[in-house]
Amino acid sequence: MKKLSVIAPGTCVKIKSIHDNALKPKLLEMGLIQGNEVKVLFKAPLGDPIAIAIQGYTLSLRMDEASLIEVEDLTHSSTLI
């Protein structure tokens, strides 16, 4: 599995897990829950932050936050966002 922080813009992924960390409750409250589908929209010119589409809204994450999220690639799946 890959971390959300290394996923290229335009790629759809499914959240597999979030590493235990002080930020985990906040990430869960923002909808980053295991099984939810996410699309990486773009990354800032220097790579931080990144913008993702999740549950009908756009969310901006710092790279250190995105690196806590393990994802599975869905690009070749029929269930794209």
PDB file of N, CA and C in Angstrom:
ATOM      1  N   MET A   1       0.838  -1.194   0.000  1.00  0.00           N
ATOM      2  CA  MET A   1       0.000   0.000   0.000  1.00  0.00           C
ATOM      3  C   MET A   1       0.876   1.249   0.000  1.00  0.00           C
ATOM      4  N   LYS A   2       0.286   2.319  -0.503  1.00  0.00           N
ATOM      5  CA  LYS A   2       0.999   3.592  -0.591  1.00  0.00           C
ATOM      6  C   LYS A   2       0.402   4.591   0.388  1.00  0.00           C
ATOM      7  N   LYS A   3       1.175   5.619   0.639  1.00  0.00           N
ATOM      8  CA  LYS A   3       0.691   6.725   1.461  1.00  0.00           C
ATOM      9  C   LYS A   3       0.045   7.763   0.545  1.00  0.00           C
ATOM     10  N   LEU A   4      -0.970   8.426   1.044  1.00  0.00           N
ATOM     11  CA  LEU A   4      -1.667   9.445   0.276  1.00  0.00           C
ATOM     12  C   LEU A   4      -0.713  10.549  -0.185  1.00  0.00           C
ATOM     13  N   SER A   5       0.331  10.802   0.562  1.00  0.00           N
ATOM     14  CA  SER A   5       1.275  11.869   0.239  1.00  0.00           C
ATOM     15  C   SER A   5       2.057  11.630  -1.050  1.00  0.00           C
ATOM     16  N   VAL A   6       2.121  10.393  -1.538  1.00  0.00           N
ATOM     17  CA  VAL A   6       2.894  10.096  -2.750  1.00  0.00           C
ATOM     18  C   VAL A   6       2.006   9.858  -3.976  1.00  0.00           C
ATOM     19  N   ILE A   7       0.703   9.993  -3.817  1.00  0.00           N
ATOM     20  CA  ILE A   7      -0.224   9.740  -4.918  1.00  0.00           C
ATOM     21  C   ILE A   7      -0.243  10.933  -5.879  1.00  0.00           C
ATOM     22  N   ALA A   8      -0.185  10.644  -7.171  1.00  0.00           N
ATOM     23  CA  ALA A   8      -0.156  11.695  -8.196  1.00  0.00           C
ATOM     24  C   ALA A   8      -1.536  12.330  -8.369  1.00  0.00           C
ATOM     25  N   PRO A   9      -1.565  13.616  -8.713  1.00  0.00           N
ATOM     26  CA  PRO A   9      -2.835  14.279  -8.998  1.00  0.00           C
ATOM     27  C   PRO A   9      -3.613  13.550 -10.096  1.00  0.00           C
ATOM     28  N   GLY A  10      -4.937  13.505  -9.930  1.00  0.00           N
ATOM     29  CA  GLY A  10      -5.797  12.822 -10.880  1.00  0.00           C
ATOM     30  C   GLY A  10      -6.057  11.367 -10.535  1.00  0.00           C
ATOM     31  N   THR A  11      -5.387  10.855  -9.510  1.00  0.00           N
ATOM     32  CA  THR A  11      -5.511   9.459  -9.122  1.00  0.00           C
ATOM     33  C   THR A  11      -6.601   9.281  -8.072  1.00  0.00           C
ATOM     34  N   CYS A  12      -7.402   8.239  -8.236  1.00  0.00           N
ATOM     35  CA  CYS A  12      -8.434   7.891  -7.264  1.00  0.00           C
ATOM     36  C   CYS A  12      -7.929   6.746  -6.399  1.00  0.00           C
ATOM     37  N   VAL A  13      -8.156   6.854  -5.102  1.00  0.00           N
ATOM     38  CA  VAL A  13      -7.688   5.842  -4.158  1.00  0.00           C
ATOM     39  C   VAL A  13      -8.772   5.564  -3.118  1.00  0.00           C
ATOM     40  N   LYS A  14      -8.618   4.455  -2.428  1.00  0.00           N
ATOM     41  CA  LYS A  14      -9.501   4.107  -1.314  1.00  0.00           C
ATOM     42  C   LYS A  14      -8.659   4.092  -0.045  1.00  0.00           C
ATOM     43  N   ILE A  15      -9.185   4.689   1.012  1.00  0.00           N
ATOM     44  CA  ILE A  15      -8.473   4.729   2.294  1.00  0.00           C
ATOM     45  C   ILE A  15      -8.495   3.342   2.918  1.00  0.00           C
ATOM     46  N   LYS A  16      -7.312   2.844   3.269  1.00  0.00           N
ATOM     47  CA  LYS A  16      -7.194   1.537   3.900  1.00  0.00           C
ATOM     48  C   LYS A  16      -6.983   1.666   5.406  1.00  0.00           C
ATOM     49  N   SER A  17      -6.187   2.648   5.833  1.00  0.00           N
ATOM     50  CA  SER A  17      -5.955   2.832   7.271  1.00  0.00           C
ATOM     51  C   SER A  17      -5.320   4.193   7.525  1.00  0.00           C
ATOM     52  N   ILE A  18      -5.393   4.608   8.783  1.00  0.00           N
ATOM     53  CA  ILE A  18      -4.729   5.832   9.238  1.00  0.00           C
ATOM     54  C   ILE A  18      -3.855   5.437  10.418  1.00  0.00           C
ATOM     55  N   HIS A  19      -2.578   5.798  10.349  1.00  0.00           N
ATOM     56  CA  HIS A  19      -1.658   5.467  11.423  1.00  0.00           C
ATOM     57  C   HIS A  19      -2.080   6.167  12.717  1.00  0.00           C
ATOM     58  N   ASP A  20      -1.915   5.477  13.822  1.00  0.00           N
ATOM     59  CA  ASP A  20      -2.225   6.078  15.120  1.00  0.00           C
ATOM     60  C   ASP A  20      -1.320   7.275  15.353  1.00  0.00           C
ATOM     61  N   ASN A  21      -1.936   8.394  15.678  1.00  0.00           N
ATOM     62  CA  ASN A  21      -1.227   9.651  15.845  1.00  0.00           C
ATOM     63  C   ASN A  21      -2.192  10.610  16.539  1.00  0.00           C
ATOM     64  N   ALA A  22      -1.679  11.694  17.078  1.00  0.00           N
ATOM     65  CA  ALA A  22      -2.538  12.691  17.718  1.00  0.00           C
ATOM     66  C   ALA A  22      -3.512  13.316  16.723  1.00  0.00           C
ATOM     67  N   LEU A  23      -3.181  13.300  15.423  1.00  0.00           N
ATOM     68  CA  LEU A  23      -4.045  13.875  14.395  1.00  0.00           C
ATOM     69  C   LEU A  23      -5.147  12.933  13.930  1.00  0.00           C
ATOM     70  N   LYS A  24      -5.073  11.661  14.274  1.00  0.00           N
ATOM     71  CA  LYS A  24      -6.031  10.682  13.759  1.00  0.00           C
ATOM     72  C   LYS A  24      -7.489  11.066  14.029  1.00  0.00           C
ATOM     73  N   PRO A  25      -7.858  11.469  15.246  1.00  0.00           N
ATOM     74  CA  PRO A  25      -9.265  11.853  15.472  1.00  0.00           C
ATOM     75  C   PRO A  25      -9.724  13.003  14.569  1.00  0.00           C
ATOM     76  N   LYS A  26      -8.859  13.968  14.345  1.00  0.00           N
ATOM     77  CA  LYS A  26      -9.208  15.101  13.485  1.00  0.00           C
ATOM     78  C   LYS A  26      -9.387  14.647  12.037  1.00  0.00           C
ATOM     79  N   LEU A  27      -8.521  13.760  11.560  1.00  0.00           N
ATOM     80  CA  LEU A  27      -8.633  13.243  10.200  1.00  0.00           C
ATOM     81  C   LEU A  27      -9.933  12.453  10.028  1.00  0.00           C
ATOM     82  N   LEU A  28     -10.288  11.672  11.032  1.00  0.00           N
ATOM     83  CA  LEU A  28     -11.537  10.908  10.978  1.00  0.00           C
ATOM     84  C   LEU A  28     -12.746  11.844  10.927  1.00  0.00           C
ATOM     85  N   GLU A  29     -12.709  12.923  11.711  1.00  0.00           N
ATOM     86  CA  GLU A  29     -13.803  13.898  11.721  1.00  0.00           C
ATOM     87  C   GLU A  29     -13.975  14.586  10.363  1.00  0.00           C
ATOM     88  N   MET A  30     -12.873  14.686   9.604  1.00  0.00           N
ATOM     89  CA  MET A  30     -12.931  15.320   8.290  1.00  0.00           C
ATOM     90  C   MET A  30     -13.396  14.352   7.201  1.00  0.00           C
ATOM     91  N   GLY A  31     -13.735  13.122   7.585  1.00  0.00           N
ATOM     92  CA  GLY A  31     -14.254  12.159   6.621  1.00  0.00           C
ATOM     93  C   GLY A  31     -13.237  11.188   6.075  1.00  0.00           C
ATOM     94  N   LEU A  32     -12.021  11.244   6.568  1.00  0.00           N
ATOM     95  CA  LEU A  32     -10.984  10.330   6.104  1.00  0.00           C
ATOM     96  C   LEU A  32     -11.102   9.013   6.864  1.00  0.00           C
ATOM     97  N   ILE A  33     -12.101   8.231   6.455  1.00  0.00           N
ATOM     98  CA  ILE A  33     -12.458   6.990   7.140  1.00  0.00           C
ATOM     99  C   ILE A  33     -12.135   5.819   6.225  1.00  0.00           C
ATOM    100  N   GLN A  34     -11.704   4.722   6.822  1.00  0.00           N
ATOM    101  CA  GLN A  34     -11.381   3.520   6.066  1.00  0.00           C
ATOM    102  C   GLN A  34     -12.526   3.154   5.130  1.00  0.00           C
ATOM    103  N   GLY A  35     -12.197   2.920   3.853  1.00  0.00           N
ATOM    104  CA  GLY A  35     -13.190   2.557   2.856  1.00  0.00           C
ATOM    105  C   GLY A  35     -13.664   3.716   1.999  1.00  0.00           C
ATOM    106  N   ASN A  36     -13.501   4.946   2.469  1.00  0.00           N
ATOM    107  CA  ASN A  36     -13.915   6.110   1.675  1.00  0.00           C
ATOM    108  C   ASN A  36     -12.988   6.292   0.480  1.00  0.00           C
ATOM    109  N   GLU A  37     -13.576   6.737  -0.629  1.00  0.00           N
ATOM    110  CA  GLU A  37     -12.805   6.994  -1.836  1.00  0.00           C
ATOM    111  C   GLU A  37     -12.388   8.456  -1.891  1.00  0.00           C
ATOM    112  N   VAL A  38     -11.173   8.672  -2.383  1.00  0.00           N
ATOM    113  CA  VAL A  38     -10.560   9.995  -2.437  1.00  0.00           C
ATOM    114  C   VAL A  38      -9.944  10.189  -3.814  1.00  0.00           C
ATOM    115  N   LYS A  39     -10.039  11.399  -4.347  1.00  0.00           N
ATOM    116  CA  LYS A  39      -9.324  11.729  -5.580  1.00  0.00           C
ATOM    117  C   LYS A  39      -8.356  12.858  -5.271  1.00  0.00           C
ATOM    118  N   VAL A  40      -7.095  12.671  -5.622  1.00  0.00           N
ATOM    119  CA  VAL A  40      -6.097  13.722  -5.444  1.00  0.00           C
ATOM    120  C   VAL A  40      -6.310  14.718  -6.579  1.00  0.00           C
ATOM    121  N   LEU A  41      -6.638  15.957  -6.233  1.00  0.00           N
ATOM    122  CA  LEU A  41      -6.930  16.983  -7.225  1.00  0.00           C
ATOM    123  C   LEU A  41      -5.673  17.678  -7.726  1.00  0.00           C
ATOM    124  N   PHE A  42      -4.857  18.174  -6.796  1.00  0.00           N
ATOM    125  CA  PHE A  42      -3.602  18.817  -7.180  1.00  0.00           C
ATOM    126  C   PHE A  42      -2.689  18.950  -5.977  1.00  0.00           C
ATOM    127  N   LYS A  43      -1.431  19.228  -6.278  1.00  0.00           N
ATOM    128  CA  LYS A  43      -0.433  19.496  -5.244  1.00  0.00           C
ATOM    129  C   LYS A  43       0.115  20.897  -5.478  1.00  0.00           C
ATOM    130  N   ALA A  44       0.440  21.579  -4.413  1.00  0.00           N
ATOM    131  CA  ALA A  44       1.029  22.912  -4.520  1.00  0.00           C
ATOM    132  C   ALA A  44       2.372  22.805  -5.248  1.00  0.00           C
ATOM    133  N   PRO A  45       2.856  23.903  -5.840  1.00  0.00           N
ATOM    134  CA  PRO A  45       4.109  23.855  -6.610  1.00  0.00           C
ATOM    135  C   PRO A  45       5.289  23.216  -5.869  1.00  0.00           C
ATOM    136  N   LEU A  46       5.372  23.418  -4.582  1.00  0.00           N
ATOM    137  CA  LEU A  46       6.457  22.802  -3.818  1.00  0.00           C
ATOM    138  C   LEU A  46       6.015  21.493  -3.165  1.00  0.00           C
ATOM    139  N   GLY A  47       4.811  21.014  -3.521  1.00  0.00           N
ATOM    140  CA  GLY A  47       4.334  19.720  -3.055  1.00  0.00           C
ATOM    141  C   GLY A  47       3.494  19.746  -1.792  1.00  0.00           C
ATOM    142  N   ASP A  48       3.432  20.857  -1.100  1.00  0.00           N
ATOM    143  CA  ASP A  48       2.719  20.922   0.170  1.00  0.00           C
ATOM    144  C   ASP A  48       1.936  22.221   0.229  1.00  0.00           C
ATOM    145  N   PRO A  49       0.635  22.214   0.397  1.00  0.00           N
ATOM    146  CA  PRO A  49      -0.265  21.101   0.702  1.00  0.00           C
ATOM    147  C   PRO A  49      -0.782  20.422  -0.572  1.00  0.00           C
ATOM    148  N   ILE A  50      -1.631  19.412  -0.360  1.00  0.00           N
ATOM    149  CA  ILE A  50      -2.317  18.765  -1.466  1.00  0.00           C
ATOM    150  C   ILE A  50      -3.815  18.979  -1.276  1.00  0.00           C
ATOM    151  N   ALA A  51      -4.547  18.938  -2.383  1.00  0.00           N
ATOM    152  CA  ALA A  51      -6.006  19.062  -2.327  1.00  0.00           C
ATOM    153  C   ALA A  51      -6.604  17.736  -2.777  1.00  0.00           C
ATOM    154  N   ILE A  52      -7.604  17.271  -2.021  1.00  0.00           N
ATOM    155  CA  ILE A  52      -8.279  16.026  -2.364  1.00  0.00           C
ATOM    156  C   ILE A  52      -9.783  16.254  -2.393  1.00  0.00           C
ATOM    157  N   ALA A  53     -10.469  15.435  -3.172  1.00  0.00           N
ATOM    158  CA  ALA A  53     -11.937  15.438  -3.188  1.00  0.00           C
ATOM    159  C   ALA A  53     -12.391  14.227  -2.399  1.00  0.00           C
ATOM    160  N   ILE A  54     -13.265  14.463  -1.416  1.00  0.00           N
ATOM    161  CA  ILE A  54     -13.787  13.379  -0.595  1.00  0.00           C
ATOM    162  C   ILE A  54     -15.207  13.726  -0.175  1.00  0.00           C
ATOM    163  N   GLN A  55     -16.109  12.809  -0.335  1.00  0.00           N
ATOM    164  CA  GLN A  55     -17.512  12.958   0.069  1.00  0.00           C
ATOM    165  C   GLN A  55     -18.137  14.272  -0.402  1.00  0.00           C
ATOM    166  N   GLY A  56     -17.835  14.683  -1.636  1.00  0.00           N
ATOM    167  CA  GLY A  56     -18.470  15.863  -2.206  1.00  0.00           C
ATOM    168  C   GLY A  56     -17.857  17.197  -1.842  1.00  0.00           C
ATOM    169  N   TYR A  57     -16.715  17.216  -1.181  1.00  0.00           N
ATOM    170  CA  TYR A  57     -16.067  18.500  -0.892  1.00  0.00           C
ATOM    171  C   TYR A  57     -14.573  18.391  -1.118  1.00  0.00           C
ATOM    172  N   THR A  58     -13.912  19.540  -1.166  1.00  0.00           N
ATOM    173  CA  THR A  58     -12.467  19.591  -1.362  1.00  0.00           C
ATOM    174  C   THR A  58     -11.799  19.853  -0.023  1.00  0.00           C
ATOM    175  N   LEU A  59     -10.771  19.067   0.252  1.00  0.00           N
ATOM    176  CA  LEU A  59     -10.047  19.153   1.518  1.00  0.00           C
ATOM    177  C   LEU A  59      -8.571  19.366   1.219  1.00  0.00           C
ATOM    178  N   SER A  60      -7.954  20.264   1.950  1.00  0.00           N
ATOM    179  CA  SER A  60      -6.523  20.520   1.822  1.00  0.00           C
ATOM    180  C   SER A  60      -5.811  19.857   2.992  1.00  0.00           C
ATOM    181  N   LEU A  61      -4.748  19.119   2.686  1.00  0.00           N
ATOM    182  CA  LEU A  61      -3.969  18.430   3.718  1.00  0.00           C
ATOM    183  C   LEU A  61      -2.495  18.765   3.589  1.00  0.00           C
ATOM    184  N   ARG A  62      -1.824  18.896   4.716  1.00  0.00           N
ATOM    185  CA  ARG A  62      -0.373  19.025   4.704  1.00  0.00           C
ATOM    186  C   ARG A  62       0.219  17.658   4.377  1.00  0.00           C
ATOM    187  N   MET A  63       1.424  17.652   3.864  1.00  0.00           N
ATOM    188  CA  MET A  63       2.072  16.383   3.506  1.00  0.00           C
ATOM    189  C   MET A  63       2.272  15.484   4.723  1.00  0.00           C
ATOM    190  N   ASP A  64       2.580  16.058   5.879  1.00  0.00           N
ATOM    191  CA  ASP A  64       2.760  15.217   7.069  1.00  0.00           C
ATOM    192  C   ASP A  64       1.448  14.552   7.469  1.00  0.00           C
ATOM    193  N   GLU A  65       0.324  15.226   7.234  1.00  0.00           N
ATOM    194  CA  GLU A  65      -0.984  14.624   7.503  1.00  0.00           C
ATOM    195  C   GLU A  65      -1.295  13.533   6.480  1.00  0.00           C
ATOM    196  N   ALA A  66      -1.034  13.823   5.212  1.00  0.00           N
ATOM    197  CA  ALA A  66      -1.299  12.858   4.137  1.00  0.00           C
ATOM    198  C   ALA A  66      -0.422  11.615   4.275  1.00  0.00           C
ATOM    199  N   SER A  67       0.746  11.762   4.858  1.00  0.00           N
ATOM    200  CA  SER A  67       1.651  10.609   5.009  1.00  0.00           C
ATOM    201  C   SER A  67       1.166   9.630   6.081  1.00  0.00           C
ATOM    202  N   LEU A  68       0.178  10.012   6.865  1.00  0.00           N
ATOM    203  CA  LEU A  68      -0.397   9.124   7.880  1.00  0.00           C
ATOM    204  C   LEU A  68      -1.465   8.204   7.299  1.00  0.00           C
ATOM    205  N   ILE A  69      -1.881   8.464   6.050  1.00  0.00           N
ATOM    206  CA  ILE A  69      -3.012   7.759   5.452  1.00  0.00           C
ATOM    207  C   ILE A  69      -2.536   6.742   4.422  1.00  0.00           C
ATOM    208  N   GLU A  70      -2.818   5.464   4.677  1.00  0.00           N
ATOM    209  CA  GLU A  70      -2.487   4.385   3.746  1.00  0.00           C
ATOM    210  C   GLU A  70      -3.656   4.209   2.787  1.00  0.00           C
ATOM    211  N   VAL A  71      -3.354   4.114   1.489  1.00  0.00           N
ATOM    212  CA  VAL A  71      -4.402   4.028   0.476  1.00  0.00           C
ATOM    213  C   VAL A  71      -4.124   2.910  -0.529  1.00  0.00           C
ATOM    214  N   GLU A  72      -5.200   2.546  -1.242  1.00  0.00           N
ATOM    215  CA  GLU A  72      -5.132   1.556  -2.314  1.00  0.00           C
ATOM    216  C   GLU A  72      -5.568   2.242  -3.602  1.00  0.00           C
ATOM    217  N   ASP A  73      -4.827   2.051  -4.683  1.00  0.00           N
ATOM    218  CA  ASP A  73      -5.124   2.686  -5.966  1.00  0.00           C
ATOM    219  C   ASP A  73      -6.419   2.155  -6.578  1.00  0.00           C
ATOM    220  N   LEU A  74      -7.276   3.070  -7.038  1.00  0.00           N
ATOM    221  CA  LEU A  74      -8.534   2.701  -7.695  1.00  0.00           C
ATOM    222  C   LEU A  74      -8.590   3.183  -9.139  1.00  0.00           C
ATOM    223  N   THR A  75      -7.491   3.658  -9.685  1.00  0.00           N
ATOM    224  CA  THR A  75      -7.485   4.249 -10.999  1.00  0.00           C
ATOM    225  C   THR A  75      -8.074   3.318 -12.058  1.00  0.00           C
ATOM    226  N   HIS A  76      -7.837   2.027 -11.929  1.00  0.00           N
ATOM    227  CA  HIS A  76      -8.316   1.090 -12.937  1.00  0.00           C
ATOM    228  C   HIS A  76      -9.622   0.436 -12.522  1.00  0.00           C
ATOM    229  N   SER A  77     -10.253   0.950 -11.488  1.00  0.00           N
ATOM    230  CA  SER A  77     -11.523   0.413 -11.004  1.00  0.00           C
ATOM    231  C   SER A  77     -12.681   1.146 -11.676  1.00  0.00           C
ATOM    232  N   SER A  78     -13.858   0.552 -11.641  1.00  0.00           N
ATOM    233  CA  SER A  78     -15.034   1.194 -12.238  1.00  0.00           C
ATOM    234  C   SER A  78     -15.750   2.100 -11.249  1.00  0.00           C
ATOM    235  N   THR A  79     -15.289   2.210 -10.003  1.00  0.00           N
ATOM    236  CA  THR A  79     -15.956   3.023  -8.983  1.00  0.00           C
ATOM    237  C   THR A  79     -15.192   4.311  -8.742  1.00  0.00           C
ATOM    238  N   LEU A  80     -14.992   5.090  -9.786  1.00  0.00           N
ATOM    239  CA  LEU A  80     -14.250   6.341  -9.652  1.00  0.00           C
ATOM    240  C   LEU A  80     -15.158   7.446  -9.145  1.00  0.00           C
ATOM    241  N   ILE A  81     -14.568   8.407  -8.458  1.00  0.00           N
ATOM    242  CA  ILE A  81     -15.312   9.548  -7.915  1.00  0.00           C
ATOM    243  C   ILE A  81     -15.723  10.466  -9.049  1.00  0.00           C
TER     244      ILE A  81
END
